[in-house]
Amino acid sequence: MAELDDSPPHVMMDLFDCLKRNSQDEALALIASMDVRTLDLLVEVTDNCFITALQCAVTLNQPRIVNALLGKRVDVNKGEGCYSNFYGYFIWKSTPLLSALIKSNFTLIDILLEHGADPLFDSDKAKQLNPMNGRQHGSAPISIPFSFALSRGNYIFSRFLQYTDVSAAFGPGNHTCLCYALRHYLDECCSSASLHYMQRIIQKGGRVCSGDSNNFAEEWGIVSTKGICSEIVHCLNVMLNEREETLHGFHCTNAKAAHNCLSLVCATDYVHENSSLYKTLATYTDAIKTNNIRVALDELAVVDVKRFEQKRQILTWMTNITKQPSTLKHICRVYVRSLIPGLCIEAIQALPLPTELIDYVNVVNKV
């Protein structure tokens, strides 16, 4: 803790004072006089809360200052943090992009994204610098801007998606954008808007995670978690059990909607042993057959005939998709899409192609 007591130069404190007084011309002059290293180490400390100049300018909605700081090439992802006695080191808790997103400040969101703000910024993986001594530390997880953007409407989601690497793994469990969109779909009671988000992610080349670091499946009686995506297991539990689930706070009771959602996700891959999607479906199906999961086959017999028939259809679908080879048409679609990174529906629609082929490549039709 001793190294945290060193006070920054007085001129640095003047900058925060100018920002709070909205004396932007004075602040701009101070910024012009400092180098990027000084600005990156510059923080205001209040009750163990460390706030960068960029974070302060974003919070106070000062686009001129934000542009000036980013023009100096300050770290666009460093925002607000604290020294944690629990973790024993300094942690970043927020980013300027996340702060702008929470306030739905479209102007600042655009500025930050255009200057390289990471929609998938994950402090748990990033190498962090203690702003008081420049040493590297680990960090605790914070809210991921992209996952938060899923709940902020189509415009913000579209802007974030434009700057997002949908294949990158991030956040707790090393999920991808598609995994988080799937969770959001269930959280929002299978809304059509969140299904549209999933389709947009898939159109850009998104897939589910590798599943290597999830333990959710073990909680549901599936012994092996290697290659299992917990969000797919999540969805399967909804499909086979219409009573309300409370994990992650979702209350989806529409098994048919969840089935349609997973059908769309299956358009991202085809049946082969190295596929995380295949491993999840196959392992889950085997667990049901061996009665190792809460939603077992014998439990389905106690429901009414109509519901039981629906469950039987879902079980048949799960078995078929893992035991039968995928169609050549589907395999070709997955392969073609893998060769066109960052594919988007606007680019495909501009090509002189038949409508059926455009829909085929853009996964308008499901598996």
Protein backbone atom coordinates (compact mmCIF):
# COMPACT_ATOMS: atom_id res chain seq x y z
CA MET A 1 0.00 0.00 0.00
CA ALA A 2 2.94 2.37 0.59
CA GLU A 3 3.49 3.03 -3.09
CA LEU A 4 -0.08 4.31 -3.43
CA ASP A 5 0.69 7.36 -1.26
CA ASP A 6 2.91 9.11 -3.82
CA SER A 7 1.08 12.23 -4.99
CA PRO A 8 1.13 13.20 -8.67
CA PRO A 9 2.45 16.66 -9.66
CA HIS A 10 0.21 19.66 -8.92
CA VAL A 11 -0.37 20.39 -12.60
CA MET A 12 -2.14 17.05 -12.89
CA MET A 13 -4.61 17.97 -10.19
CA ASP A 14 -5.22 21.26 -12.03
CA LEU A 15 -6.51 19.27 -15.00
CA PHE A 16 -9.21 17.55 -12.96
CA ASP A 17 -10.13 20.89 -11.40
CA CYS A 18 -10.56 22.40 -14.86
CA LEU A 19 -12.71 19.51 -15.99
CA LYS A 20 -15.01 19.83 -12.99
CA ARG A 21 -15.32 23.60 -13.50
CA ASN A 22 -15.96 22.95 -17.21
CA SER A 23 -13.02 25.24 -18.07
CA GLN A 24 -12.32 23.29 -21.20
CA ASP A 25 -9.92 25.77 -22.80
CA GLU A 26 -7.67 25.63 -19.73
CA ALA A 27 -7.93 21.85 -19.68
CA LEU A 28 -6.98 21.62 -23.36
CA ALA A 29 -3.90 23.77 -22.72
CA LEU A 30 -2.81 21.49 -19.87
CA ILE A 31 -3.36 18.37 -21.99
CA ALA A 32 -1.27 19.87 -24.79
CA SER A 33 1.60 20.42 -22.32
CA MET A 34 1.71 16.77 -21.12
CA ASP A 35 3.04 13.65 -22.80
CA VAL A 36 1.01 10.47 -23.17
CA ARG A 37 2.86 8.61 -20.39
CA THR A 38 2.02 11.36 -17.91
CA LEU A 39 -1.61 11.40 -18.99
CA ASP A 40 -1.88 7.61 -18.75
CA LEU A 41 -0.58 7.64 -15.17
CA LEU A 42 -2.74 10.60 -14.24
CA VAL A 43 -5.58 9.70 -11.87
CA GLU A 44 -7.73 11.42 -9.30
CA VAL A 45 -7.99 9.53 -6.02
CA THR A 46 -11.14 9.83 -3.89
CA ASP A 47 -11.94 7.27 -1.17
CA ASN A 48 -9.72 4.65 -2.80
CA CYS A 49 -11.38 5.30 -6.17
CA PHE A 50 -8.95 5.99 -9.04
CA ILE A 51 -10.39 7.85 -12.04
CA THR A 52 -8.44 8.64 -15.21
CA ALA A 53 -8.75 11.98 -16.97
CA LEU A 54 -10.46 10.25 -19.90
CA GLN A 55 -13.01 8.62 -17.60
CA CYS A 56 -13.66 11.97 -15.91
CA ALA A 57 -14.23 13.71 -19.27
CA VAL A 58 -16.61 10.95 -20.39
CA THR A 59 -18.55 11.13 -17.12
CA LEU A 60 -18.86 14.93 -17.45
CA ASN A 61 -19.85 14.65 -21.15
CA GLN A 62 -16.99 16.72 -22.56
CA PRO A 63 -16.39 15.50 -26.15
CA ARG A 64 -13.69 18.14 -26.86
CA ILE A 65 -11.60 16.89 -23.94
CA VAL A 66 -12.20 13.27 -24.88
CA ASN A 67 -11.02 13.96 -28.43
CA ALA A 68 -7.93 15.83 -27.15
CA LEU A 69 -6.95 13.01 -24.79
CA LEU A 70 -7.47 10.35 -27.44
CA GLY A 71 -5.51 12.50 -29.87
CA LYS A 72 -2.61 12.18 -27.41
CA ARG A 73 -3.12 8.40 -27.66
CA VAL A 74 -4.01 7.77 -24.02
CA ASP A 75 -5.21 4.27 -23.18
CA VAL A 76 -8.82 4.30 -24.34
CA ASN A 77 -9.78 1.35 -22.10
CA LYS A 78 -8.54 2.71 -18.75
CA GLY A 79 -11.33 4.26 -16.70
CA GLU A 80 -12.14 3.76 -13.04
CA GLY A 81 -10.49 1.40 -10.54
CA CYS A 82 -9.53 0.86 -6.94
CA TYR A 83 -7.07 -0.94 -4.73
CA SER A 84 -8.83 -4.09 -3.49
CA ASN A 85 -7.97 -5.42 -0.06
CA PHE A 86 -9.87 -8.59 -0.94
CA TYR A 87 -7.83 -9.35 -4.09
CA GLY A 88 -4.69 -7.72 -2.74
CA TYR A 89 -3.95 -5.66 -5.82
CA PHE A 90 -5.21 -2.81 -8.00
CA ILE A 91 -8.22 -3.54 -10.20
CA TRP A 92 -9.96 -1.64 -13.00
CA LYS A 93 -13.73 -1.71 -12.50
CA SER A 94 -14.99 0.28 -15.48
CA THR A 95 -13.96 1.61 -18.87
CA PRO A 96 -14.83 4.92 -20.57
CA LEU A 97 -16.82 3.00 -23.20
CA LEU A 98 -18.89 1.24 -20.54
CA SER A 99 -19.58 4.56 -18.82
CA ALA A 100 -20.70 6.18 -22.08
CA LEU A 101 -22.87 3.13 -22.80
CA ILE A 102 -24.59 3.28 -19.42
CA LYS A 103 -25.49 6.92 -20.11
CA SER A 104 -26.52 6.09 -23.71
CA ASN A 105 -24.25 8.92 -24.87
CA PHE A 106 -24.17 8.20 -28.62
CA THR A 107 -21.63 10.93 -29.40
CA LEU A 108 -19.04 9.64 -26.93
CA ILE A 109 -19.74 6.02 -27.83
CA ASP A 110 -18.92 6.78 -31.46
CA ILE A 111 -15.76 8.74 -30.54
CA LEU A 112 -14.46 5.97 -28.26
CA LEU A 113 -15.21 3.17 -30.73
CA GLU A 114 -13.55 5.06 -33.58
CA HIS A 115 -10.43 5.50 -31.42
CA GLY A 116 -10.13 1.79 -30.69
CA ALA A 117 -12.17 1.23 -27.52
CA ASP A 118 -12.56 -2.52 -27.10
CA PRO A 119 -16.23 -3.67 -26.89
CA LEU A 120 -14.93 -6.96 -25.47
CA PHE A 121 -12.55 -5.42 -22.94
CA ASP A 122 -12.06 -8.02 -20.21
CA SER A 123 -10.07 -6.79 -17.23
CA ASP A 124 -9.71 -10.36 -15.99
CA LYS A 125 -7.45 -11.10 -18.99
CA ALA A 126 -5.89 -7.72 -19.69
CA LYS A 127 -2.52 -6.81 -18.23
CA GLN A 128 -3.33 -3.88 -15.97
CA LEU A 129 -1.04 -1.12 -14.73
CA ASN A 130 -1.35 0.29 -11.24
CA PRO A 131 -1.66 4.00 -12.12
CA MET A 132 0.33 5.02 -9.05
CA ASN A 133 3.49 3.01 -9.68
CA GLY A 134 3.21 1.59 -13.23
CA ARG A 135 3.48 -2.03 -12.10
CA GLN A 136 1.45 -4.77 -13.73
CA HIS A 137 -1.28 -6.53 -11.78
CA GLY A 138 -4.07 -8.94 -12.51
CA SER A 139 -7.63 -7.78 -12.19
CA ALA A 140 -11.10 -8.92 -11.22
CA PRO A 141 -13.83 -9.28 -13.88
CA ILE A 142 -15.89 -6.20 -14.77
CA SER A 143 -18.96 -5.73 -16.91
CA ILE A 144 -18.14 -6.29 -20.58
CA PRO A 145 -19.36 -3.38 -22.78
CA PHE A 146 -20.62 -5.67 -25.57
CA SER A 147 -22.68 -7.91 -23.30
CA PHE A 148 -24.19 -4.78 -21.72
CA ALA A 149 -24.93 -3.33 -25.18
CA LEU A 150 -27.29 -6.24 -25.92
CA SER A 151 -29.86 -4.59 -23.66
CA ARG A 152 -29.50 -1.05 -25.05
CA GLY A 153 -31.38 -1.25 -28.33
CA ASN A 154 -30.67 -1.98 -31.97
CA TYR A 155 -28.71 1.21 -32.78
CA ILE A 156 -26.13 0.75 -30.03
CA PHE A 157 -25.91 -2.99 -30.66
CA SER A 158 -25.27 -2.35 -34.37
CA ARG A 159 -22.51 0.18 -33.60
CA PHE A 160 -20.82 -2.19 -31.17
CA LEU A 161 -21.09 -5.11 -33.56
CA GLN A 162 -19.35 -3.03 -36.23
CA TYR A 163 -16.21 -2.87 -34.05
CA THR A 164 -16.42 -6.31 -32.44
CA ASP A 165 -14.43 -9.46 -33.14
CA VAL A 166 -17.34 -11.91 -32.81
CA SER A 167 -15.00 -14.93 -32.76
CA ALA A 168 -13.03 -13.73 -29.72
CA ALA A 169 -13.65 -15.34 -26.33
CA PHE A 170 -14.13 -13.01 -23.37
CA GLY A 171 -15.68 -12.64 -19.94
CA PRO A 172 -16.36 -15.33 -17.31
CA GLY A 173 -16.38 -18.75 -18.95
CA ASN A 174 -14.55 -17.51 -22.07
CA HIS A 175 -17.79 -17.17 -24.03
CA THR A 176 -18.17 -15.55 -27.45
CA CYS A 177 -20.62 -12.90 -28.63
CA LEU A 178 -23.03 -15.60 -29.78
CA CYS A 179 -22.97 -17.24 -26.33
CA TYR A 180 -23.80 -13.92 -24.65
CA ALA A 181 -26.57 -13.23 -27.20
CA LEU A 182 -28.00 -16.68 -26.48
CA ARG A 183 -28.04 -15.92 -22.76
CA HIS A 184 -29.68 -12.56 -23.47
CA TYR A 185 -32.31 -14.33 -25.58
CA LEU A 186 -33.24 -16.52 -22.64
CA ASP A 187 -33.07 -13.64 -20.16
CA GLU A 188 -35.46 -11.60 -22.30
CA CYS A 189 -38.04 -14.42 -22.46
CA CYS A 190 -37.11 -15.36 -26.02
CA SER A 191 -37.74 -11.92 -27.54
CA SER A 192 -37.68 -11.46 -31.31
CA ALA A 193 -35.24 -8.54 -30.92
CA SER A 194 -32.61 -10.68 -29.19
CA LEU A 195 -33.10 -13.41 -31.81
CA HIS A 196 -32.34 -10.75 -34.42
CA TYR A 197 -29.13 -9.90 -32.53
CA MET A 198 -28.09 -13.54 -32.69
CA GLN A 199 -28.71 -13.64 -36.42
CA ARG A 200 -26.62 -10.49 -36.93
CA ILE A 201 -23.74 -12.05 -34.97
CA ILE A 202 -23.98 -15.25 -37.00
CA GLN A 203 -24.04 -13.25 -40.23
CA LYS A 204 -20.73 -11.71 -39.18
CA GLY A 205 -19.20 -15.15 -38.61
CA GLY A 206 -19.98 -15.75 -34.94
CA ARG A 207 -19.91 -19.18 -33.31
CA VAL A 208 -20.34 -20.51 -29.79
CA CYS A 209 -17.33 -20.83 -27.50
CA SER A 210 -14.97 -23.81 -27.30
CA GLY A 211 -16.42 -24.66 -23.89
CA ASP A 212 -13.02 -25.51 -22.40
CA SER A 213 -13.41 -23.49 -19.20
CA ASN A 214 -17.06 -23.99 -18.23
CA ASN A 215 -18.19 -25.99 -15.21
CA PHE A 216 -21.92 -25.35 -15.58
CA ALA A 217 -22.50 -28.75 -17.20
CA GLU A 218 -21.20 -30.55 -14.11
CA GLU A 219 -23.90 -28.89 -12.03
CA TRP A 220 -26.52 -30.50 -14.26
CA GLY A 221 -25.11 -34.01 -14.00
CA ILE A 222 -22.97 -34.02 -17.15
CA VAL A 223 -19.66 -35.49 -16.02
CA SER A 224 -17.30 -34.19 -18.70
CA THR A 225 -17.16 -30.46 -19.44
CA LYS A 226 -14.48 -30.64 -22.13
CA GLY A 227 -15.82 -28.81 -25.15
CA ILE A 228 -19.20 -28.09 -23.52
CA CYS A 229 -20.75 -24.63 -23.88
CA SER A 230 -22.73 -23.85 -20.72
CA GLU A 231 -25.07 -21.48 -22.55
CA ILE A 232 -26.13 -24.26 -24.94
CA VAL A 233 -26.78 -26.51 -21.93
CA HIS A 234 -28.73 -23.60 -20.51
CA CYS A 235 -30.90 -23.48 -23.65
CA LEU A 236 -31.41 -27.25 -23.72
CA ASN A 237 -32.68 -27.19 -20.14
CA VAL A 238 -35.30 -24.64 -21.18
CA MET A 239 -36.31 -26.75 -24.17
CA LEU A 240 -36.90 -29.87 -22.07
CA ASN A 241 -38.23 -28.26 -18.92
CA GLU A 242 -40.83 -25.52 -19.18
CA ARG A 243 -40.95 -24.76 -15.47
CA GLU A 244 -39.25 -21.45 -14.74
CA GLU A 245 -35.48 -21.53 -14.36
CA THR A 246 -33.80 -19.03 -12.05
CA LEU A 247 -30.13 -19.41 -12.98
CA HIS A 248 -28.75 -16.10 -14.33
CA GLY A 249 -32.22 -14.67 -13.57
CA PHE A 250 -33.95 -15.88 -16.74
CA HIS A 251 -37.59 -17.01 -16.75
CA CYS A 252 -38.10 -18.47 -20.21
CA THR A 253 -40.89 -21.05 -20.41
CA ASN A 254 -41.25 -21.23 -24.18
CA ALA A 255 -39.61 -24.48 -25.22
CA LYS A 256 -40.53 -23.97 -28.88
CA ALA A 257 -38.88 -20.54 -28.97
CA ALA A 258 -35.73 -21.93 -27.34
CA HIS A 259 -35.74 -24.74 -29.91
CA ASN A 260 -35.96 -22.24 -32.80
CA CYS A 261 -33.12 -20.28 -31.23
CA LEU A 262 -30.86 -23.33 -30.94
CA SER A 263 -31.76 -24.32 -34.49
CA LEU A 264 -30.40 -20.96 -35.62
CA VAL A 265 -27.20 -21.49 -33.59
CA CYS A 266 -26.75 -24.87 -35.26
CA ALA A 267 -26.45 -23.05 -38.59
CA THR A 268 -23.00 -21.89 -37.45
CA ASP A 269 -21.43 -25.36 -37.50
CA TYR A 270 -21.95 -28.93 -38.63
CA VAL A 271 -21.66 -32.33 -36.99
CA HIS A 272 -18.03 -33.31 -36.46
CA GLU A 273 -16.18 -34.49 -33.38
CA ASN A 274 -14.18 -31.29 -32.84
CA SER A 275 -17.25 -29.06 -32.84
CA SER A 276 -18.16 -27.55 -29.46
CA LEU A 277 -21.78 -27.42 -30.57
CA TYR A 278 -21.78 -31.11 -31.47
CA LYS A 279 -20.04 -32.12 -28.22
CA THR A 280 -22.55 -30.16 -26.16
CA LEU A 281 -25.60 -31.64 -27.88
CA ALA A 282 -24.21 -35.19 -27.90
CA THR A 283 -23.09 -35.11 -24.27
CA TYR A 284 -26.39 -33.65 -23.12
CA THR A 285 -28.38 -36.25 -25.07
CA ASP A 286 -26.29 -39.08 -23.62
CA ALA A 287 -26.76 -37.67 -20.11
CA ILE A 288 -30.55 -37.74 -20.53
CA LYS A 289 -30.50 -41.31 -21.81
CA THR A 290 -28.43 -42.50 -18.84
CA ASN A 291 -30.64 -40.55 -16.42
CA ASN A 292 -27.73 -38.41 -15.22
CA ILE A 293 -29.53 -35.11 -15.56
CA ARG A 294 -32.40 -33.50 -13.67
CA VAL A 295 -34.56 -33.30 -16.77
CA ALA A 296 -34.61 -37.04 -17.41
CA LEU A 297 -36.79 -38.99 -19.84
CA ASP A 298 -38.93 -40.62 -17.15
CA GLU A 299 -39.84 -37.20 -15.72
CA LEU A 300 -41.41 -36.21 -19.02
CA ALA A 301 -44.04 -38.93 -18.69
CA VAL A 302 -45.83 -37.09 -15.89
CA VAL A 303 -46.86 -34.17 -18.13
CA ASP A 304 -49.89 -34.01 -20.38
CA VAL A 305 -49.91 -35.83 -23.73
CA LYS A 306 -49.49 -32.68 -25.84
CA ARG A 307 -46.48 -31.50 -23.89
CA PHE A 308 -44.95 -34.97 -23.84
CA GLU A 309 -45.24 -35.16 -27.63
CA GLN A 310 -43.48 -31.80 -27.92
CA LYS A 311 -40.65 -33.05 -25.71
CA ARG A 312 -40.39 -36.25 -27.74
CA GLN A 313 -40.01 -34.18 -30.91
CA ILE A 314 -37.25 -32.13 -29.30
CA LEU A 315 -35.44 -35.26 -28.13
CA THR A 316 -35.70 -36.73 -31.62
CA TRP A 317 -34.28 -33.53 -33.09
CA MET A 318 -31.36 -33.57 -30.63
CA THR A 319 -30.60 -37.21 -31.42
CA ASN A 320 -30.83 -36.73 -35.19
CA ILE A 321 -28.62 -33.66 -35.31
CA THR A 322 -25.81 -35.47 -33.49
CA LYS A 323 -26.16 -38.96 -34.93
CA GLN A 324 -26.83 -38.20 -38.60
CA PRO A 325 -24.35 -36.54 -40.96
CA SER A 326 -25.12 -32.93 -41.80
CA THR A 327 -26.36 -32.28 -45.32
CA LEU A 328 -23.77 -31.39 -47.94
CA LYS A 329 -25.63 -28.12 -48.45
CA HIS A 330 -25.18 -27.17 -44.79
CA ILE A 331 -21.52 -28.22 -44.68
CA CYS A 332 -20.84 -26.09 -47.77
CA ARG A 333 -22.55 -23.09 -46.19
CA VAL A 334 -20.47 -23.36 -43.00
CA TYR A 335 -17.27 -23.75 -45.04
CA VAL A 336 -18.02 -20.86 -47.41
CA ARG A 337 -18.83 -18.57 -44.49
CA SER A 338 -15.58 -19.51 -42.73
CA LEU A 339 -13.66 -18.24 -45.76
CA ILE A 340 -15.33 -14.81 -45.63
CA PRO A 341 -14.49 -13.26 -42.22
CA GLY A 342 -16.63 -10.33 -41.16
CA LEU A 343 -19.41 -11.27 -43.57
CA CYS A 344 -22.39 -8.93 -43.34
CA ILE A 345 -25.80 -9.03 -44.96
CA GLU A 346 -25.37 -5.57 -46.51
CA ALA A 347 -22.27 -6.67 -48.44
CA ILE A 348 -23.91 -9.86 -49.70
CA GLN A 349 -27.09 -8.09 -50.76
CA ALA A 350 -25.03 -5.76 -52.95
CA LEU A 351 -23.79 -8.72 -55.03
CA PRO A 352 -25.64 -9.85 -58.20
CA LEU A 353 -26.80 -13.13 -56.63
CA PRO A 354 -30.21 -14.87 -56.53
CA THR A 355 -32.27 -14.16 -53.41
CA GLU A 356 -32.19 -17.82 -52.40
CA LEU A 357 -28.39 -17.84 -52.42
CA ILE A 358 -28.23 -14.59 -50.43
CA ASP A 359 -30.56 -16.06 -47.79
CA TYR A 360 -28.53 -19.29 -47.78
CA VAL A 361 -25.19 -17.60 -47.09
CA ASN A 362 -26.66 -15.16 -44.58
CA VAL A 363 -28.35 -17.95 -42.58
CA VAL A 364 -31.84 -16.57 -43.09
CA ASN A 365 -33.07 -20.18 -43.24
CA LYS A 366 -32.28 -22.34 -40.22
CA VAL A 367 -30.97 -25.90 -39.96
